[in-house]
Structures are given as C-alpha cells and as structure tokens.
Amino acid sequence: MQYLAMSRPVFNAFTLKKAMDGIGCNTELLNEIFCTLSNAEIKAMQEAFEKSSDSRLSDRLRSELSGEHEKLILKLLLAGRDENPVPDLARARAQATELFEAVRKGKTMLGGLSNDTERKIIDVLTGSSPAQCRAIKEAWETANPSSPSLDATIEAKIGGALKTALLYLLKDPIDLFCMKIKTACSGLTCDEEPLSRILGGIPDVIIIPH
C-alpha cells in the first residue's frame, strides 16, 4: 500500500536508495531498476533522488560500483537509450555479427572476455532499445546456430553484476518481472518484498498476463 501511494519517480528513487543504503550495494535490485526503466523514468528518478539526497546520483553510483558494471549503469543513467519499439532487423544482423566477432577475438586465456570486448557488448546493448536487443539476440542465433546463444555466451564468459545486467537488457521487462514473481512464490514461503515492489510499484502500462 505504501508503494501504491507513491508517485512513480518517488517510488523509483526510494527503491534505488534502498538498494544502496547499508553495507554494500544490492546490485541485483540496481540492475532491475536501470534495465527496465525508460529514459524519461530514469531522468525523473534522478531528479527525485537528488531532491531527497545531499549527493548527485552519479557520484553516489560511482562510490557504490566499480569496473565495467559501473560503466554500464552510468551509461543507462545518461538516459540516451534508443526507444524505438520497432527493431531495425538489418542493423540487428550487423550488430550481432559485430558482437560475435568481438567475442571470438576477445577471449582471455582464462576463458573470459577482455575488457574491450565487455565494453563493446555494453555499448551495443545499452544503446539499443529492448526490442532491438531481442532482435540482436535472435540474429546472433540465426547466424550462428551451432554456437552458444548470446545469453549463454554472456552467462559463461562474464561474471557478477555485469553479467546480470547484460542478461536483463536482453529480456522483455514484462518477462523479467514475471520471472521474479515466480521465483518469489516458488519456495516454501513467499518472499513478500519483491512481490510488494513489483506489484505495488509496477508502471500502469505494464500488465502482468494471467
């Protein structure tokens, strides 16, 4: 009920603050926030956060995060992501090829990916709309049917919070929220916090399918 009574920007800022308060940072929640919000929602959240805080959001994020994950979140904070709901399929094929070649050439001796390759994936996915990201994923699989999918490649070769963020960017936000609701309800007891957060703070334009 508390979440339902909040405006969307205030709710997002409240959730963001919750993710960063205390010891450490809840990167899982941070990824959920930044990887599912529109550009306008990110800007409104930043304004609400900074009105209720004595620090700039970008500075707070830099103090909480590090490495390529920090770069990904700060790129999303710029709120310049493409939002065209119709994917450019020809461009998706080119982007998929670009990423496949970057991964092929950018493997480290330990089986991971170089920082340059990780940055290439970050740049492509954070600059692409959710629909374009899914088109890139499909184009990768169509062009390379005998190779692991883009999801599987990220899962196997990238670790930590960066991996989670990239996988979230490849998902439809509705599918991600449904997955989290299912996970919250799958144990012996129900995890009420994510249920309250998603169902209480979910935007009106998102309708959970029956």
N, C-alpha and C. Protein backbone atom coordinates (compact mmCIF):
# COMPACT_ATOMS: atom_id res chain seq x y z
N MET A 1 0.83 -1.20 0.00
CA MET A 1 0.00 0.00 0.00
C MET A 1 0.87 1.26 0.00
N GLN A 2 1.99 1.20 0.69
CA GLN A 2 2.90 2.35 0.70
C GLN A 2 3.42 2.63 -0.71
N TYR A 3 3.79 1.57 -1.44
CA TYR A 3 4.31 1.75 -2.78
C TYR A 3 3.23 2.29 -3.72
N LEU A 4 2.02 1.81 -3.58
CA LEU A 4 0.93 2.27 -4.44
C LEU A 4 0.64 3.75 -4.23
N ALA A 5 0.89 4.23 -3.03
CA ALA A 5 0.61 5.64 -2.72
C ALA A 5 1.69 6.58 -3.23
N MET A 6 2.84 6.03 -3.63
CA MET A 6 3.95 6.87 -4.11
C MET A 6 3.77 7.18 -5.59
N SER A 7 4.26 8.35 -5.99
CA SER A 7 4.36 8.62 -7.42
C SER A 7 5.45 7.73 -7.98
N ARG A 8 5.41 7.50 -9.27
CA ARG A 8 6.40 6.61 -9.90
C ARG A 8 7.83 7.10 -9.68
N PRO A 9 8.17 8.39 -9.90
CA PRO A 9 9.55 8.84 -9.68
C PRO A 9 9.99 8.67 -8.23
N VAL A 10 9.09 8.98 -7.28
CA VAL A 10 9.44 8.86 -5.86
C VAL A 10 9.64 7.39 -5.50
N PHE A 11 8.79 6.51 -6.03
CA PHE A 11 8.96 5.08 -5.77
C PHE A 11 10.30 4.59 -6.30
N ASN A 12 10.64 4.96 -7.53
CA ASN A 12 11.91 4.51 -8.11
C ASN A 12 13.10 5.04 -7.32
N ALA A 13 13.04 6.31 -6.90
CA ALA A 13 14.12 6.88 -6.11
C ALA A 13 14.23 6.20 -4.75
N PHE A 14 13.08 5.90 -4.14
CA PHE A 14 13.05 5.19 -2.86
C PHE A 14 13.68 3.81 -3.00
N THR A 15 13.34 3.09 -4.05
CA THR A 15 13.88 1.75 -4.29
C THR A 15 15.38 1.82 -4.57
N LEU A 16 15.79 2.81 -5.33
CA LEU A 16 17.21 3.00 -5.64
C LEU A 16 18.01 3.27 -4.37
N LYS A 17 17.48 4.13 -3.52
CA LYS A 17 18.16 4.44 -2.25
C LYS A 17 18.25 3.19 -1.39
N LYS A 18 17.18 2.41 -1.39
CA LYS A 18 17.16 1.16 -0.63
C LYS A 18 18.25 0.21 -1.12
N ALA A 19 18.48 0.19 -2.41
CA ALA A 19 19.49 -0.70 -2.98
C ALA A 19 20.91 -0.30 -2.56
N MET A 20 21.12 0.98 -2.27
CA MET A 20 22.47 1.46 -1.98
C MET A 20 22.72 1.75 -0.52
N ASP A 21 21.70 1.75 0.32
CA ASP A 21 21.89 2.03 1.74
C ASP A 21 22.47 0.81 2.45
N GLY A 22 23.13 1.07 3.58
CA GLY A 22 23.69 -0.02 4.36
C GLY A 22 25.05 -0.44 3.84
N ILE A 23 25.50 -1.60 4.33
CA ILE A 23 26.81 -2.12 3.92
C ILE A 23 26.68 -2.78 2.55
N GLY A 24 27.53 -2.36 1.62
CA GLY A 24 27.48 -2.92 0.28
C GLY A 24 26.34 -2.35 -0.54
N CYS A 25 26.15 -2.93 -1.69
CA CYS A 25 25.13 -2.44 -2.62
C CYS A 25 24.36 -3.64 -3.16
N ASN A 26 23.05 -3.52 -3.22
CA ASN A 26 22.21 -4.58 -3.79
C ASN A 26 22.22 -4.41 -5.30
N THR A 27 23.21 -4.99 -5.95
CA THR A 27 23.34 -4.80 -7.41
C THR A 27 22.22 -5.48 -8.18
N GLU A 28 21.66 -6.54 -7.63
CA GLU A 28 20.53 -7.21 -8.27
C GLU A 28 19.35 -6.24 -8.42
N LEU A 29 19.04 -5.53 -7.35
CA LEU A 29 17.96 -4.55 -7.38
C LEU A 29 18.33 -3.36 -8.25
N LEU A 30 19.57 -2.93 -8.18
CA LEU A 30 20.04 -1.82 -9.01
C LEU A 30 19.89 -2.15 -10.49
N ASN A 31 20.26 -3.36 -10.86
CA ASN A 31 20.10 -3.79 -12.26
C ASN A 31 18.64 -3.82 -12.67
N GLU A 32 17.79 -4.33 -11.80
CA GLU A 32 16.36 -4.38 -12.11
C GLU A 32 15.83 -2.97 -12.41
N ILE A 33 16.24 -2.00 -11.62
CA ILE A 33 15.77 -0.64 -11.79
C ILE A 33 16.23 -0.07 -13.13
N PHE A 34 17.53 -0.04 -13.35
CA PHE A 34 18.08 0.65 -14.52
C PHE A 34 17.79 -0.08 -15.83
N CYS A 35 17.67 -1.40 -15.79
CA CYS A 35 17.49 -2.15 -17.03
C CYS A 35 16.03 -2.26 -17.46
N THR A 36 15.11 -1.76 -16.65
CA THR A 36 13.69 -1.85 -17.01
C THR A 36 13.02 -0.49 -17.19
N LEU A 37 13.68 0.59 -16.77
CA LEU A 37 13.06 1.91 -16.86
C LEU A 37 13.30 2.57 -18.22
N SER A 38 12.35 3.40 -18.63
CA SER A 38 12.52 4.20 -19.84
C SER A 38 13.45 5.37 -19.55
N ASN A 39 13.89 6.05 -20.60
CA ASN A 39 14.74 7.23 -20.43
C ASN A 39 14.05 8.29 -19.56
N ALA A 40 12.78 8.54 -19.82
CA ALA A 40 12.05 9.55 -19.06
C ALA A 40 11.94 9.15 -17.59
N GLU A 41 11.74 7.86 -17.34
CA GLU A 41 11.62 7.39 -15.96
C GLU A 41 12.96 7.51 -15.23
N ILE A 42 14.06 7.26 -15.93
CA ILE A 42 15.37 7.40 -15.30
C ILE A 42 15.63 8.86 -14.95
N LYS A 43 15.31 9.78 -15.85
CA LYS A 43 15.50 11.21 -15.57
C LYS A 43 14.65 11.65 -14.38
N ALA A 44 13.40 11.21 -14.35
CA ALA A 44 12.50 11.59 -13.24
C ALA A 44 12.98 10.98 -11.93
N MET A 45 13.47 9.75 -11.97
CA MET A 45 14.01 9.11 -10.78
C MET A 45 15.23 9.87 -10.26
N GLN A 46 16.11 10.26 -11.17
CA GLN A 46 17.31 11.00 -10.76
C GLN A 46 16.93 12.32 -10.09
N GLU A 47 15.97 13.02 -10.65
CA GLU A 47 15.54 14.28 -10.06
C GLU A 47 14.95 14.06 -8.67
N ALA A 48 14.11 13.03 -8.52
CA ALA A 48 13.51 12.74 -7.22
C ALA A 48 14.57 12.32 -6.21
N PHE A 49 15.55 11.51 -6.66
CA PHE A 49 16.62 11.06 -5.77
C PHE A 49 17.43 12.24 -5.27
N GLU A 50 17.81 13.13 -6.17
CA GLU A 50 18.69 14.24 -5.79
C GLU A 50 17.95 15.29 -4.96
N LYS A 51 16.64 15.37 -5.09
CA LYS A 51 15.86 16.27 -4.23
C LYS A 51 15.85 15.79 -2.78
N SER A 52 15.94 14.48 -2.60
CA SER A 52 15.87 13.92 -1.25
C SER A 52 17.23 13.51 -0.72
N SER A 53 18.29 13.88 -1.42
CA SER A 53 19.62 13.46 -1.04
C SER A 53 20.57 14.64 -1.08
N ASP A 54 21.69 14.49 -0.39
CA ASP A 54 22.69 15.56 -0.40
C ASP A 54 23.81 15.27 -1.38
N SER A 55 23.59 14.33 -2.30
CA SER A 55 24.62 13.99 -3.28
C SER A 55 24.01 13.80 -4.65
N ARG A 56 24.83 13.96 -5.67
CA ARG A 56 24.39 13.67 -7.03
C ARG A 56 24.30 12.16 -7.20
N LEU A 57 23.33 11.72 -7.96
CA LEU A 57 23.16 10.28 -8.15
C LEU A 57 24.38 9.66 -8.83
N SER A 58 24.95 10.35 -9.80
CA SER A 58 26.12 9.80 -10.49
C SER A 58 27.28 9.59 -9.52
N ASP A 59 27.47 10.54 -8.59
CA ASP A 59 28.54 10.40 -7.61
C ASP A 59 28.27 9.24 -6.65
N ARG A 60 27.02 9.10 -6.26
CA ARG A 60 26.67 8.01 -5.34
C ARG A 60 26.90 6.65 -6.02
N LEU A 61 26.52 6.54 -7.28
CA LEU A 61 26.72 5.29 -8.01
C LEU A 61 28.20 4.97 -8.15
N ARG A 62 29.01 5.98 -8.42
CA ARG A 62 30.46 5.75 -8.54
C ARG A 62 31.06 5.26 -7.22
N SER A 63 30.49 5.71 -6.11
CA SER A 63 31.00 5.28 -4.81
C SER A 63 30.58 3.86 -4.47
N GLU A 64 29.52 3.37 -5.11
CA GLU A 64 28.98 2.04 -4.80
C GLU A 64 29.45 0.97 -5.77
N LEU A 65 29.77 1.36 -7.01
CA LEU A 65 30.04 0.39 -8.07
C LEU A 65 31.48 0.48 -8.54
N SER A 66 31.86 -0.46 -9.38
CA SER A 66 33.22 -0.45 -9.91
C SER A 66 33.26 -1.17 -11.25
N GLY A 67 34.36 -1.00 -11.96
CA GLY A 67 34.62 -1.74 -13.18
C GLY A 67 33.62 -1.50 -14.29
N GLU A 68 33.44 -2.52 -15.12
CA GLU A 68 32.58 -2.38 -16.28
C GLU A 68 31.10 -2.28 -15.89
N HIS A 69 30.74 -2.85 -14.74
CA HIS A 69 29.36 -2.71 -14.28
C HIS A 69 29.03 -1.25 -13.97
N GLU A 70 29.97 -0.56 -13.36
CA GLU A 70 29.79 0.87 -13.11
C GLU A 70 29.59 1.63 -14.43
N LYS A 71 30.39 1.31 -15.43
CA LYS A 71 30.26 1.98 -16.73
C LYS A 71 28.88 1.72 -17.33
N LEU A 72 28.38 0.49 -17.22
CA LEU A 72 27.07 0.16 -17.78
C LEU A 72 25.96 0.97 -17.11
N ILE A 73 25.97 1.01 -15.79
CA ILE A 73 24.91 1.73 -15.06
C ILE A 73 24.99 3.22 -15.35
N LEU A 74 26.18 3.77 -15.41
CA LEU A 74 26.31 5.20 -15.69
C LEU A 74 25.88 5.54 -17.11
N LYS A 75 26.08 4.62 -18.04
CA LYS A 75 25.59 4.85 -19.42
C LYS A 75 24.06 4.88 -19.43
N LEU A 76 23.43 3.97 -18.69
CA LEU A 76 21.97 3.98 -18.63
C LEU A 76 21.46 5.23 -17.92
N LEU A 77 22.22 5.72 -16.93
CA LEU A 77 21.83 6.94 -16.22
C LEU A 77 21.77 8.15 -17.17
N LEU A 78 22.54 8.13 -18.24
CA LEU A 78 22.51 9.23 -19.21
C LEU A 78 21.17 9.32 -19.94
N ALA A 79 20.38 8.26 -19.85
CA ALA A 79 19.02 8.23 -20.42
C ALA A 79 19.03 8.58 -21.90
N GLY A 80 19.96 7.99 -22.64
CA GLY A 80 20.02 8.21 -24.08
C GLY A 80 19.78 6.96 -24.89
N ARG A 81 19.20 5.97 -24.26
CA ARG A 81 18.98 4.68 -24.93
C ARG A 81 17.91 4.81 -26.01
N ASP A 82 18.13 4.17 -27.14
CA ASP A 82 17.13 4.15 -28.19
C ASP A 82 15.85 3.51 -27.66
N GLU A 83 14.70 4.07 -28.02
CA GLU A 83 13.42 3.54 -27.51
C GLU A 83 12.44 3.21 -28.64
N ASN A 84 12.96 3.03 -29.83
CA ASN A 84 12.08 2.66 -30.94
C ASN A 84 11.51 1.26 -30.70
N PRO A 85 10.17 1.13 -30.65
CA PRO A 85 9.58 -0.19 -30.38
C PRO A 85 9.70 -1.16 -31.55
N VAL A 86 10.07 -0.63 -32.73
CA VAL A 86 10.20 -1.48 -33.92
C VAL A 86 11.68 -1.70 -34.20
N PRO A 87 12.17 -2.93 -34.11
CA PRO A 87 13.60 -3.16 -34.33
C PRO A 87 14.00 -2.98 -35.78
N ASP A 88 15.24 -2.55 -35.98
CA ASP A 88 15.85 -2.47 -37.30
C ASP A 88 16.56 -3.80 -37.52
N LEU A 89 15.96 -4.68 -38.31
CA LEU A 89 16.47 -6.05 -38.43
C LEU A 89 17.81 -6.11 -39.15
N ALA A 90 17.98 -5.25 -40.17
CA ALA A 90 19.26 -5.24 -40.88
C ALA A 90 20.38 -4.78 -39.94
N ARG A 91 20.09 -3.76 -39.15
CA ARG A 91 21.08 -3.28 -38.18
C ARG A 91 21.32 -4.34 -37.11
N ALA A 92 20.28 -5.06 -36.71
CA ALA A 92 20.45 -6.11 -35.71
C ALA A 92 21.39 -7.20 -36.20
N ARG A 93 21.28 -7.55 -37.48
CA ARG A 93 22.18 -8.56 -38.05
C ARG A 93 23.62 -8.07 -38.02
N ALA A 94 23.81 -6.80 -38.36
CA ALA A 94 25.16 -6.23 -38.34
C ALA A 94 25.70 -6.17 -36.91
N GLN A 95 24.85 -5.79 -35.96
CA GLN A 95 25.29 -5.71 -34.56
C GLN A 95 25.62 -7.10 -34.02
N ALA A 96 24.81 -8.10 -34.39
CA ALA A 96 25.07 -9.47 -33.94
C ALA A 96 26.41 -9.96 -34.47
N THR A 97 26.69 -9.67 -35.74
CA THR A 97 27.97 -10.06 -36.33
C THR A 97 29.12 -9.36 -35.62
N GLU A 98 28.95 -8.08 -35.34
CA GLU A 98 29.97 -7.31 -34.65
C GLU A 98 30.27 -7.91 -33.28
N LEU A 99 29.22 -8.27 -32.55
CA LEU A 99 29.42 -8.84 -31.22
C LEU A 99 30.03 -10.24 -31.29
N PHE A 100 29.57 -11.03 -32.24
CA PHE A 100 30.11 -12.39 -32.37
C PHE A 100 31.61 -12.35 -32.65
N GLU A 101 32.03 -11.47 -33.56
CA GLU A 101 33.44 -11.36 -33.88
C GLU A 101 34.23 -10.81 -32.70
N ALA A 102 33.65 -9.86 -31.97
CA ALA A 102 34.33 -9.31 -30.79
C ALA A 102 34.55 -10.38 -29.74
N VAL A 103 33.54 -11.23 -29.54
CA VAL A 103 33.67 -12.33 -28.58
C VAL A 103 34.70 -13.35 -29.06
N ARG A 104 34.66 -13.67 -30.34
CA ARG A 104 35.59 -14.67 -30.90
C ARG A 104 37.03 -14.23 -30.75
N LYS A 105 37.28 -12.94 -30.95
CA LYS A 105 38.65 -12.42 -30.90
C LYS A 105 39.06 -11.94 -29.52
N GLY A 106 38.08 -11.77 -28.62
CA GLY A 106 38.38 -11.12 -27.35
C GLY A 106 38.41 -12.04 -26.14
N LYS A 107 38.56 -13.34 -26.38
CA LYS A 107 38.63 -14.28 -25.26
C LYS A 107 39.98 -14.19 -24.56
N THR A 108 39.97 -14.29 -23.24
CA THR A 108 41.20 -14.28 -22.46
C THR A 108 41.70 -15.72 -22.28
N MET A 109 42.90 -15.85 -21.77
CA MET A 109 43.48 -17.18 -21.54
C MET A 109 42.70 -17.96 -20.50
N LEU A 110 42.00 -17.27 -19.62
CA LEU A 110 41.23 -17.93 -18.56
C LEU A 110 39.81 -18.25 -19.00
N GLY A 111 39.47 -17.93 -20.25
CA GLY A 111 38.16 -18.27 -20.76
C GLY A 111 37.12 -17.17 -20.68
N GLY A 112 37.49 -16.05 -20.09
CA GLY A 112 36.57 -14.92 -20.03
C GLY A 112 36.71 -14.03 -21.25
N LEU A 113 36.27 -12.79 -21.10
CA LEU A 113 36.37 -11.82 -22.19
C LEU A 113 37.22 -10.64 -21.76
N SER A 114 37.91 -10.06 -22.71
CA SER A 114 38.72 -8.88 -22.41
C SER A 114 37.82 -7.70 -22.04
N ASN A 115 38.41 -6.71 -21.38
CA ASN A 115 37.65 -5.50 -21.02
C ASN A 115 37.11 -4.80 -22.26
N ASP A 116 37.90 -4.79 -23.33
CA ASP A 116 37.44 -4.14 -24.56
C ASP A 116 36.21 -4.84 -25.13
N THR A 117 36.20 -6.17 -25.05
CA THR A 117 35.05 -6.92 -25.56
C THR A 117 33.83 -6.68 -24.69
N GLU A 118 34.02 -6.68 -23.38
CA GLU A 118 32.91 -6.38 -22.48
C GLU A 118 32.34 -4.99 -22.76
N ARG A 119 33.22 -4.04 -23.00
CA ARG A 119 32.75 -2.67 -23.29
C ARG A 119 31.99 -2.62 -24.60
N LYS A 120 32.41 -3.41 -25.57
CA LYS A 120 31.70 -3.46 -26.85
C LYS A 120 30.27 -3.97 -26.64
N ILE A 121 30.12 -5.02 -25.86
CA ILE A 121 28.78 -5.56 -25.57
C ILE A 121 27.95 -4.53 -24.82
N ILE A 122 28.56 -3.87 -23.84
CA ILE A 122 27.87 -2.83 -23.07
C ILE A 122 27.39 -1.72 -23.99
N ASP A 123 28.27 -1.23 -24.86
CA ASP A 123 27.92 -0.12 -25.75
C ASP A 123 26.74 -0.48 -26.66
N VAL A 124 26.78 -1.69 -27.21
CA VAL A 124 25.72 -2.10 -28.14
C VAL A 124 24.39 -2.26 -27.42
N LEU A 125 24.39 -2.95 -26.29
CA LEU A 125 23.12 -3.25 -25.62
C LEU A 125 22.53 -2.04 -24.89
N THR A 126 23.37 -1.20 -24.28
CA THR A 126 22.84 -0.02 -23.59
C THR A 126 22.38 1.06 -24.57
N GLY A 127 22.86 0.99 -25.81
CA GLY A 127 22.43 1.95 -26.81
C GLY A 127 21.22 1.50 -27.61
N SER A 128 20.82 0.24 -27.43
CA SER A 128 19.73 -0.34 -28.22
C SER A 128 18.45 -0.43 -27.40
N SER A 129 17.33 -0.30 -28.06
CA SER A 129 16.04 -0.43 -27.39
C SER A 129 15.84 -1.88 -26.95
N PRO A 130 14.91 -2.14 -26.01
CA PRO A 130 14.62 -3.53 -25.65
C PRO A 130 14.27 -4.39 -26.86
N ALA A 131 13.48 -3.84 -27.78
CA ALA A 131 13.11 -4.60 -28.98
C ALA A 131 14.34 -4.88 -29.85
N GLN A 132 15.23 -3.90 -29.96
CA GLN A 132 16.45 -4.09 -30.76
C GLN A 132 17.37 -5.11 -30.11
N CYS A 133 17.46 -5.09 -28.79
CA CYS A 133 18.29 -6.08 -28.09
C CYS A 133 17.81 -7.50 -28.37
N ARG A 134 16.50 -7.68 -28.35
CA ARG A 134 15.96 -9.01 -28.63
C ARG A 134 16.19 -9.41 -30.08
N ALA A 135 16.14 -8.42 -30.98
CA ALA A 135 16.42 -8.71 -32.39
C ALA A 135 17.89 -9.08 -32.58
N ILE A 136 18.79 -8.45 -31.86
CA ILE A 136 20.22 -8.79 -31.91
C ILE A 136 20.42 -10.23 -31.44
N LYS A 137 19.76 -10.56 -30.34
CA LYS A 137 19.85 -11.93 -29.81
C LYS A 137 19.38 -12.95 -30.84
N GLU A 138 18.25 -12.68 -31.47
CA GLU A 138 17.72 -13.60 -32.48
C GLU A 138 18.62 -13.69 -33.70
N ALA A 139 19.18 -12.53 -34.11
CA ALA A 139 20.08 -12.53 -35.27
C ALA A 139 21.35 -13.31 -34.98
N TRP A 140 21.86 -13.19 -33.77
CA TRP A 140 23.05 -13.97 -33.35
C TRP A 140 22.77 -15.46 -33.51
N GLU A 141 21.62 -15.91 -33.00
CA GLU A 141 21.30 -17.33 -33.02
C GLU A 141 21.03 -17.83 -34.43
N THR A 142 20.41 -16.99 -35.26
CA THR A 142 20.14 -17.38 -36.65
C THR A 142 21.44 -17.52 -37.44
N ALA A 143 22.36 -16.61 -37.23
CA ALA A 143 23.62 -16.62 -37.99
C ALA A 143 24.61 -17.67 -37.48
N ASN A 144 24.45 -18.08 -36.22
CA ASN A 144 25.43 -18.99 -35.62
C ASN A 144 24.71 -20.14 -34.90
N PRO A 145 23.96 -20.95 -35.62
CA PRO A 145 23.12 -21.98 -34.98
C PRO A 145 23.90 -23.05 -34.24
N SER A 146 25.15 -23.25 -34.59
CA SER A 146 25.94 -24.29 -33.92
C SER A 146 26.75 -23.75 -32.75
N SER A 147 26.66 -22.44 -32.51
CA SER A 147 27.40 -21.81 -31.41
C SER A 147 26.45 -21.50 -30.26
N PRO A 148 26.99 -21.30 -29.04
CA PRO A 148 26.12 -20.90 -27.93
C PRO A 148 25.39 -19.59 -28.23
N SER A 149 24.20 -19.45 -27.70
CA SER A 149 23.42 -18.23 -27.89
C SER A 149 24.12 -17.04 -27.23
N LEU A 150 23.66 -15.84 -27.53
CA LEU A 150 24.23 -14.66 -26.89
C LEU A 150 24.03 -14.71 -25.39
N ASP A 151 22.85 -15.15 -24.93
CA ASP A 151 22.60 -15.29 -23.49
C ASP A 151 23.61 -16.26 -22.87
N ALA A 152 23.76 -17.41 -23.52
CA ALA A 152 24.64 -18.44 -22.98
C ALA A 152 26.09 -17.97 -22.98
N THR A 153 26.48 -17.20 -23.98
CA THR A 153 27.84 -16.67 -24.06
C THR A 153 28.10 -15.71 -22.90
N ILE A 154 27.16 -14.82 -22.66
CA ILE A 154 27.30 -13.88 -21.54
C ILE A 154 27.33 -14.63 -20.22
N GLU A 155 26.43 -15.62 -20.09
CA GLU A 155 26.36 -16.42 -18.86
C GLU A 155 27.68 -17.12 -18.57
N ALA A 156 28.33 -17.63 -19.62
CA ALA A 156 29.54 -18.42 -19.44
C ALA A 156 30.81 -17.59 -19.31
N LYS A 157 30.86 -16.43 -19.95
CA LYS A 157 32.12 -15.71 -20.07
C LYS A 157 32.19 -14.40 -19.29
N ILE A 158 31.07 -13.96 -18.71
CA ILE A 158 31.06 -12.72 -17.93
C ILE A 158 30.49 -13.04 -16.55
N GLY A 159 31.03 -12.45 -15.53
CA GLY A 159 30.58 -12.78 -14.18
C GLY A 159 29.97 -11.61 -13.44
N GLY A 160 29.43 -11.92 -12.27
CA GLY A 160 28.98 -10.91 -11.33
C GLY A 160 27.80 -10.08 -11.79
N ALA A 161 27.76 -8.86 -11.27
CA ALA A 161 26.65 -7.95 -11.53
C ALA A 161 26.58 -7.53 -12.99
N LEU A 162 27.74 -7.46 -13.66
CA LEU A 162 27.75 -7.09 -15.08
C LEU A 162 27.00 -8.13 -15.89
N LYS A 163 27.25 -9.42 -15.62
CA LYS A 163 26.53 -10.48 -16.32
C LYS A 163 25.03 -10.34 -16.15
N THR A 164 24.59 -10.13 -14.91
CA THR A 164 23.15 -10.00 -14.64
C THR A 164 22.55 -8.83 -15.40
N ALA A 165 23.24 -7.69 -15.40
CA ALA A 165 22.72 -6.50 -16.09
C ALA A 165 22.59 -6.76 -17.58
N LEU A 166 23.58 -7.37 -18.20
CA LEU A 166 23.52 -7.64 -19.64
C LEU A 166 22.39 -8.62 -19.97
N LEU A 167 22.21 -9.64 -19.15
CA LEU A 167 21.12 -10.59 -19.37
C LEU A 167 19.76 -9.91 -19.21
N TYR A 168 19.66 -8.98 -18.27
CA TYR A 168 18.41 -8.23 -18.08
C TYR A 168 18.11 -7.36 -19.30
N LEU A 169 19.14 -6.78 -19.90
CA LEU A 169 18.94 -5.94 -21.07
C LEU A 169 18.42 -6.74 -22.26
N LEU A 170 18.67 -8.03 -22.28
CA LEU A 170 18.20 -8.88 -23.37
C LEU A 170 16.77 -9.38 -23.15
N LYS A 171 16.21 -9.12 -21.97
CA LYS A 171 14.87 -9.61 -21.66
C LYS A 171 13.83 -8.52 -21.85
N ASP A 172 12.63 -8.91 -22.21
CA ASP A 172 11.47 -8.02 -22.15
C ASP A 172 11.21 -7.73 -20.67
N PRO A 173 11.05 -6.46 -20.26
CA PRO A 173 10.81 -6.16 -18.84
C PRO A 173 9.66 -6.95 -18.25
N ILE A 174 8.59 -7.19 -19.02
CA ILE A 174 7.47 -7.97 -18.50
C ILE A 174 7.92 -9.38 -18.16
N ASP A 175 8.72 -9.99 -19.04
CA ASP A 175 9.22 -11.34 -18.78
C ASP A 175 10.10 -11.36 -17.53
N LEU A 176 10.89 -10.32 -17.35
CA LEU A 176 11.76 -10.24 -16.18
C LEU A 176 10.93 -10.14 -14.90
N PHE A 177 9.92 -9.27 -14.91
CA PHE A 177 9.07 -9.13 -13.72
C PHE A 177 8.33 -10.43 -13.42
N CYS A 178 7.83 -11.09 -14.46
CA CYS A 178 7.13 -12.37 -14.26
C CYS A 178 8.07 -13.42 -13.68
N MET A 179 9.31 -13.45 -14.16
CA MET A 179 10.30 -14.39 -13.64
C MET A 179 10.55 -14.14 -12.16
N LYS A 180 10.65 -12.87 -11.78
CA LYS A 180 10.91 -12.53 -10.38
C LYS A 180 9.72 -12.87 -9.49
N ILE A 181 8.51 -12.66 -10.00
CA ILE A 181 7.33 -13.04 -9.23
C ILE A 181 7.28 -14.55 -9.03
N LYS A 182 7.57 -15.30 -10.09
CA LYS A 182 7.57 -16.76 -10.00
C LYS A 182 8.61 -17.23 -8.99
N THR A 183 9.81 -16.63 -9.02
CA THR A 183 10.86 -17.00 -8.08
C THR A 183 10.44 -16.70 -6.64
N ALA A 184 9.79 -15.54 -6.45
CA ALA A 184 9.36 -15.14 -5.10
C ALA A 184 8.33 -16.10 -4.52
N CYS A 185 7.56 -16.74 -5.40
CA CYS A 185 6.49 -17.63 -4.96
C CYS A 185 6.86 -19.11 -5.00
N SER A 186 8.10 -19.42 -5.34
CA SER A 186 8.45 -20.82 -5.60
C SER A 186 9.00 -21.55 -4.39
N GLY A 187 9.30 -20.84 -3.31
CA GLY A 187 9.86 -21.50 -2.13
C GLY A 187 8.78 -22.02 -1.19
N LEU A 188 9.22 -22.50 -0.04
CA LEU A 188 8.27 -22.98 0.97
C LEU A 188 7.41 -21.85 1.50
N THR A 189 8.01 -20.67 1.56
CA THR A 189 7.26 -19.47 1.94
C THR A 189 7.43 -18.42 0.86
N CYS A 190 6.48 -17.52 0.77
CA CYS A 190 6.51 -16.48 -0.26
C CYS A 190 7.42 -15.34 0.16
N ASP A 191 8.28 -14.89 -0.73
CA ASP A 191 9.13 -13.72 -0.48
C ASP A 191 8.31 -12.48 -0.80
N GLU A 192 7.79 -11.83 0.22
CA GLU A 192 6.83 -10.76 0.02
C GLU A 192 7.46 -9.47 -0.50
N GLU A 193 8.75 -9.25 -0.24
CA GLU A 193 9.36 -7.97 -0.63
C GLU A 193 9.34 -7.75 -2.14
N PRO A 194 9.84 -8.69 -2.97
CA PRO A 194 9.76 -8.44 -4.41
C PRO A 194 8.33 -8.39 -4.94
N LEU A 195 7.43 -9.16 -4.33
CA LEU A 195 6.03 -9.08 -4.76
C LEU A 195 5.47 -7.69 -4.51
N SER A 196 5.73 -7.16 -3.32
CA SER A 196 5.25 -5.81 -3.00
C SER A 196 5.88 -4.77 -3.91
N ARG A 197 7.18 -4.93 -4.18
CA ARG A 197 7.88 -3.95 -5.01
C ARG A 197 7.36 -3.97 -6.45
N ILE A 198 7.18 -5.15 -7.00
CA ILE A 198 6.78 -5.25 -8.40
C ILE A 198 5.31 -4.92 -8.59
N LEU A 199 4.45 -5.51 -7.77
CA LEU A 199 3.02 -5.28 -7.93
C LEU A 199 2.58 -3.91 -7.41
N GLY A 200 3.30 -3.40 -6.42
CA GLY A 200 2.95 -2.09 -5.89
C GLY A 200 3.54 -0.94 -6.66
N GLY A 201 4.70 -1.16 -7.28
CA GLY A 201 5.37 -0.06 -7.96
C GLY A 201 5.44 -0.19 -9.45
N ILE A 202 4.85 -1.27 -9.99
CA ILE A 202 4.92 -1.51 -11.42
C ILE A 202 4.20 -0.40 -12.18
N PRO A 203 4.72 0.07 -13.31
CA PRO A 203 4.03 1.13 -14.07
C PRO A 203 2.70 0.66 -14.63
N ASP A 204 1.79 1.60 -14.78
CA ASP A 204 0.44 1.28 -15.25
C ASP A 204 0.44 0.65 -16.64
N VAL A 205 1.48 0.95 -17.46
CA VAL A 205 1.47 0.44 -18.83
C VAL A 205 1.85 -1.02 -18.91
N ILE A 206 2.33 -1.59 -17.81
CA ILE A 206 2.72 -2.99 -17.80
C ILE A 206 1.61 -3.79 -17.13
N ILE A 207 1.10 -4.78 -17.84
CA ILE A 207 0.05 -5.63 -17.30
C ILE A 207 0.58 -7.05 -17.25
N ILE A 208 0.57 -7.63 -16.07
CA ILE A 208 1.05 -9.00 -15.93
C ILE A 208 0.03 -9.94 -16.55
N PRO A 209 0.43 -10.79 -17.51
CA PRO A 209 -0.52 -11.70 -18.13
C PRO A 209 -1.08 -12.70 -17.12
N HIS A 210 -2.31 -13.16 -17.34
CA HIS A 210 -2.89 -14.19 -16.47
C HIS A 210 -2.25 -15.51 -16.77
